[in-house]
Structures are given as C-alpha cells and as structure tokens.
C-alpha cells in the first residue's frame, strides 16, 4: 500500500513538473533550433527509515533545470548548478565534504525520480542522519 501511495505521489508530481511548463505552448511560435534543450525535471522525496520501499515520504519537492531553474525546491538554481557540475551523477554529490556530523543513526531516505537531460532517472539513497544528508550539498537540502 505504501509503495502505491509513493508511486502515485511521484507520478503526479513528475507530471506536474514536466507538463506544467508546457501550458500554453500550443499558442507559442516554434522555437529556433538553437534553443532546443533536453528536459530536466525531477521529483525528490524524503522520509525517515531505511528503505523507500518501507517508508512513507514526508516531504516532496519538484526541480526543473531546463531551460531555467524552477520548481518547489527551496534552492532550485543552486541545486541545478550542483547537479550540472556533477554531470548528473547523484553519487558524486558531496564528494570531499568537510561536514562534521554525529554518529547518531537515524536513517533518512531520499529518492529522485524523473528526467535528467532527456534520460529517465530513478535514484534512492539512505543517509545515516539529517546532518549527513545535508552534507551532500544543496540538492538534498529540502
């Protein structure tokens, strides 16, 4: 049941993030070939627990990175810049972080679903606690 609710929320937010910018596009003039871009629209969720399969998301944000940074993510521009610099590699985020965190184990699960530069992405990561999650940069700080 929890997985069904998670997927329903993810699909609904993804549809909003991807289709929202298209509203009114039918009336717009055709774009020049130089302004074409691959879509980048993501839905990020956060929940406390060890696996997305057993956790109900507590928060969700949208992030659109092309053509401009937007969405409900609190720092959309910085998160998009960070993801571009990492080449879309979620595991590369936070590499070399100097954050000092306690060893408290209170797991936090972050999922990312959507499209990055035209390619479907689905990512899940479990962090030991909120501090560790936040040390991985702006993308996961929501």
C-alpha atoms as a PDB file:
ATOM      1  CA  UNK A   1       0.000   0.000   0.000  1.00  0.00           C
ATOM      2  CA  UNK A   2       2.796   2.397   0.919  1.00  0.00           C
ATOM      3  CA  UNK A   3       4.597   1.759  -2.373  1.00  0.00           C
ATOM      4  CA  UNK A   4       1.395   2.503  -4.292  1.00  0.00           C
ATOM      5  CA  UNK A   5       0.962   5.825  -2.497  1.00  0.00           C
ATOM      6  CA  UNK A   6       4.631   6.703  -3.067  1.00  0.00           C
ATOM      7  CA  UNK A   7       4.431   5.955  -6.776  1.00  0.00           C
ATOM      8  CA  UNK A   8       1.137   7.817  -7.160  1.00  0.00           C
ATOM      9  CA  UNK A   9       2.614  10.904  -5.486  1.00  0.00           C
ATOM     10  CA  UNK A  10       5.813  10.636  -7.530  1.00  0.00           C
ATOM     11  CA  UNK A  11       3.974  10.250 -10.838  1.00  0.00           C
ATOM     12  CA  UNK A  12       1.620  13.121 -10.045  1.00  0.00           C
ATOM     13  CA  UNK A  13       4.473  15.466  -9.129  1.00  0.00           C
ATOM     14  CA  UNK A  14       6.532  14.347 -12.145  1.00  0.00           C
ATOM     15  CA  UNK A  15       3.614  15.029 -14.493  1.00  0.00           C
ATOM     16  CA  UNK A  16       3.172  18.472 -12.953  1.00  0.00           C
ATOM     17  CA  UNK A  17       6.885  19.271 -13.204  1.00  0.00           C
ATOM     18  CA  UNK A  18       7.203  18.064 -16.803  1.00  0.00           C
ATOM     19  CA  UNK A  19       3.869  19.230 -18.220  1.00  0.00           C
ATOM     20  CA  UNK A  20       3.496  22.461 -16.220  1.00  0.00           C
ATOM     21  CA  UNK A  21       5.986  24.425 -18.351  1.00  0.00           C
ATOM     22  CA  UNK A  22       4.184  23.212 -21.491  1.00  0.00           C
ATOM     23  CA  UNK A  23       0.966  25.050 -20.621  1.00  0.00           C
ATOM     24  CA  UNK A  24       0.185  27.452 -23.429  1.00  0.00           C
ATOM     25  CA  UNK A  25       2.922  26.025 -25.638  1.00  0.00           C
ATOM     26  CA  UNK A  26       0.457  25.327 -28.449  1.00  0.00           C
ATOM     27  CA  UNK A  27      -0.022  29.065 -28.938  1.00  0.00           C
ATOM     28  CA  UNK A  28       3.685  29.866 -28.904  1.00  0.00           C
ATOM     29  CA  UNK A  29       5.762  30.360 -32.009  1.00  0.00           C
ATOM     30  CA  UNK A  30       8.073  27.474 -32.991  1.00  0.00           C
ATOM     31  CA  UNK A  31      11.382  27.706 -31.138  1.00  0.00           C
ATOM     32  CA  UNK A  32      14.605  28.230 -33.029  1.00  0.00           C
ATOM     33  CA  UNK A  33      16.765  25.116 -33.379  1.00  0.00           C
ATOM     34  CA  UNK A  34      19.444  26.712 -31.188  1.00  0.00           C
ATOM     35  CA  UNK A  35      17.043  26.997 -28.224  1.00  0.00           C
ATOM     36  CA  UNK A  36      16.164  23.295 -28.078  1.00  0.00           C
ATOM     37  CA  UNK A  37      17.086  21.536 -24.870  1.00  0.00           C
ATOM     38  CA  UNK A  38      16.704  18.140 -23.317  1.00  0.00           C
ATOM     39  CA  UNK A  39      14.158  18.225 -20.487  1.00  0.00           C
ATOM     40  CA  UNK A  40      15.355  18.002 -16.902  1.00  0.00           C
ATOM     41  CA  UNK A  41      12.533  17.681 -14.387  1.00  0.00           C
ATOM     42  CA  UNK A  42      12.856  15.783 -11.121  1.00  0.00           C
ATOM     43  CA  UNK A  43      10.727  14.913  -8.108  1.00  0.00           C
ATOM     44  CA  UNK A  44      12.664  14.464  -4.867  1.00  0.00           C
ATOM     45  CA  UNK A  45      11.135  12.829  -1.792  1.00  0.00           C
ATOM     46  CA  UNK A  46      12.381  12.438   1.764  1.00  0.00           C
ATOM     47  CA  UNK A  47      11.352  10.065   4.526  1.00  0.00           C
ATOM     48  CA  UNK A  48      12.758   8.627   7.732  1.00  0.00           C
ATOM     49  CA  UNK A  49      13.640   4.930   7.645  1.00  0.00           C
ATOM     50  CA  UNK A  50      15.994   2.519   5.957  1.00  0.00           C
ATOM     51  CA  UNK A  51      14.393   1.946   2.546  1.00  0.00           C
ATOM     52  CA  UNK A  52      11.998   3.743   0.242  1.00  0.00           C
ATOM     53  CA  UNK A  53      10.025   0.502  -0.009  1.00  0.00           C
ATOM     54  CA  UNK A  54       9.099   0.700   3.678  1.00  0.00           C
ATOM     55  CA  UNK A  55       8.992   4.484   4.204  1.00  0.00           C
ATOM     56  CA  UNK A  56       6.157   6.879   3.518  1.00  0.00           C
ATOM     57  CA  UNK A  57       7.540  10.127   2.056  1.00  0.00           C
ATOM     58  CA  UNK A  58       7.267  13.038   4.482  1.00  0.00           C
ATOM     59  CA  UNK A  59       8.289  15.753   2.038  1.00  0.00           C
ATOM     60  CA  UNK A  60       8.446  16.108  -1.729  1.00  0.00           C
ATOM     61  CA  UNK A  61       9.771  18.859  -3.977  1.00  0.00           C
ATOM     62  CA  UNK A  62       9.981  19.392  -7.722  1.00  0.00           C
ATOM     63  CA  UNK A  63      13.059  20.610  -9.557  1.00  0.00           C
ATOM     64  CA  UNK A  64      13.182  21.687 -13.195  1.00  0.00           C
ATOM     65  CA  UNK A  65      16.636  22.544 -14.565  1.00  0.00           C
ATOM     66  CA  UNK A  66      15.990  23.216 -18.252  1.00  0.00           C
ATOM     67  CA  UNK A  67      15.505  25.701 -19.800  1.00  0.00           C
ATOM     68  CA  UNK A  68      15.677  27.557 -16.473  1.00  0.00           C
ATOM     69  CA  UNK A  69      15.849  26.521 -12.835  1.00  0.00           C
ATOM     70  CA  UNK A  70      12.454  26.360 -11.160  1.00  0.00           C
ATOM     71  CA  UNK A  71      10.218  24.190  -9.035  1.00  0.00           C
ATOM     72  CA  UNK A  72       9.315  23.914  -5.367  1.00  0.00           C
ATOM     73  CA  UNK A  73      12.882  23.103  -4.300  1.00  0.00           C
ATOM     74  CA  UNK A  74      13.974  25.866  -1.864  1.00  0.00           C
ATOM     75  CA  UNK A  75      17.254  26.481  -3.739  1.00  0.00           C
ATOM     76  CA  UNK A  76      16.419  25.418  -7.298  1.00  0.00           C
ATOM     77  CA  UNK A  77      19.177  27.383  -9.081  1.00  0.00           C
ATOM     78  CA  UNK A  78      21.937  26.166  -6.754  1.00  0.00           C
ATOM     79  CA  UNK A  79      20.654  22.567  -6.858  1.00  0.00           C
ATOM     80  CA  UNK A  80      20.599  22.576 -10.683  1.00  0.00           C
ATOM     81  CA  UNK A  81      24.101  24.089 -10.845  1.00  0.00           C
ATOM     82  CA  UNK A  82      25.362  21.454  -8.435  1.00  0.00           C
ATOM     83  CA  UNK A  83      23.796  18.630 -10.441  1.00  0.00           C
ATOM     84  CA  UNK A  84      25.159  20.006 -13.732  1.00  0.00           C
ATOM     85  CA  UNK A  85      28.666  20.221 -12.202  1.00  0.00           C
ATOM     86  CA  UNK A  86      28.380  16.559 -11.143  1.00  0.00           C
ATOM     87  CA  UNK A  87      27.310  15.588 -14.671  1.00  0.00           C
ATOM     88  CA  UNK A  88      24.000  14.297 -13.343  1.00  0.00           C
ATOM     89  CA  UNK A  89      25.782  11.743 -11.127  1.00  0.00           C
ATOM     90  CA  UNK A  90      23.897  11.760  -7.813  1.00  0.00           C
ATOM     91  CA  UNK A  91      26.591   9.638  -6.154  1.00  0.00           C
ATOM     92  CA  UNK A  92      29.243  12.272  -6.983  1.00  0.00           C
ATOM     93  CA  UNK A  93      27.423  14.926  -4.952  1.00  0.00           C
ATOM     94  CA  UNK A  94      29.013  15.706  -1.611  1.00  0.00           C
ATOM     95  CA  UNK A  95      32.345  14.124  -2.505  1.00  0.00           C
ATOM     96  CA  UNK A  96      35.052  15.650  -0.344  1.00  0.00           C
ATOM     97  CA  UNK A  97      32.596  17.240   2.091  1.00  0.00           C
ATOM     98  CA  UNK A  98      34.189  18.534   5.311  1.00  0.00           C
ATOM     99  CA  UNK A  99      30.978  18.386   7.362  1.00  0.00           C
ATOM    100  CA  UNK A 100      31.267  17.236  10.951  1.00  0.00           C
ATOM    101  CA  UNK A 101      28.286  15.074  11.863  1.00  0.00           C
ATOM    102  CA  UNK A 102      27.477  12.929  14.870  1.00  0.00           C
ATOM    103  CA  UNK A 103      27.405   9.164  14.567  1.00  0.00           C
ATOM    104  CA  UNK A 104      23.744   9.069  15.515  1.00  0.00           C
ATOM    105  CA  UNK A 105      21.896   6.531  13.387  1.00  0.00           C
ATOM    106  CA  UNK A 106      18.510   7.921  12.442  1.00  0.00           C
ATOM    107  CA  UNK A 107      18.263   6.960   8.750  1.00  0.00           C
ATOM    108  CA  UNK A 108      16.889   9.329   6.137  1.00  0.00           C
ATOM    109  CA  UNK A 109      15.868   8.078   2.677  1.00  0.00           C
ATOM    110  CA  UNK A 110      15.953  10.390  -0.343  1.00  0.00           C
ATOM    111  CA  UNK A 111      14.529   9.375  -3.724  1.00  0.00           C
ATOM    112  CA  UNK A 112      14.852  11.133  -7.054  1.00  0.00           C
ATOM    113  CA  UNK A 113      12.582  10.255  -9.983  1.00  0.00           C
ATOM    114  CA  UNK A 114      12.116  11.999 -13.298  1.00  0.00           C
ATOM    115  CA  UNK A 115      14.123  13.017 -16.341  1.00  0.00           C
ATOM    116  CA  UNK A 116      17.666  14.411 -16.425  1.00  0.00           C
ATOM    117  CA  UNK A 117      18.802  15.787 -19.806  1.00  0.00           C
ATOM    118  CA  UNK A 118      16.270  13.661 -21.622  1.00  0.00           C
ATOM    119  CA  UNK A 119      17.119  10.401 -19.815  1.00  0.00           C
ATOM    120  CA  UNK A 120      14.839   8.717 -17.275  1.00  0.00           C
ATOM    121  CA  UNK A 121      16.402   8.583 -13.793  1.00  0.00           C
ATOM    122  CA  UNK A 122      15.439   6.816 -10.606  1.00  0.00           C
ATOM    123  CA  UNK A 123      17.716   7.113  -7.570  1.00  0.00           C
ATOM    124  CA  UNK A 124      17.458   6.157  -3.919  1.00  0.00           C
ATOM    125  CA  UNK A 125      19.946   6.785  -1.129  1.00  0.00           C
ATOM    126  CA  UNK A 126      19.806   6.186   2.608  1.00  0.00           C
ATOM    127  CA  UNK A 127      21.821   8.593   4.762  1.00  0.00           C
ATOM    128  CA  UNK A 128      22.755   7.836   8.392  1.00  0.00           C
ATOM    129  CA  UNK A 129      21.067  11.045   9.626  1.00  0.00           C
ATOM    130  CA  UNK A 130      19.912  14.542   8.569  1.00  0.00           C
ATOM    131  CA  UNK A 131      23.391  16.053   9.025  1.00  0.00           C
ATOM    132  CA  UNK A 132      24.997  13.535   6.684  1.00  0.00           C
ATOM    133  CA  UNK A 133      22.209  14.118   4.128  1.00  0.00           C
ATOM    134  CA  UNK A 134      22.700  17.877   4.243  1.00  0.00           C
ATOM    135  CA  UNK A 135      26.474  17.495   3.816  1.00  0.00           C
ATOM    136  CA  UNK A 136      25.838  16.125   0.321  1.00  0.00           C
ATOM    137  CA  UNK A 137      25.006  19.578  -0.981  1.00  0.00           C
ATOM    138  CA  UNK A 138      22.092  21.744  -1.917  1.00  0.00           C
ATOM    139  CA  UNK A 139      20.198  19.182  -3.991  1.00  0.00           C
ATOM    140  CA  UNK A 140      19.296  17.082  -0.940  1.00  0.00           C
ATOM    141  CA  UNK A 141      18.750  20.080   1.398  1.00  0.00           C
ATOM    142  CA  UNK A 142      14.964  20.423   1.322  1.00  0.00           C
END
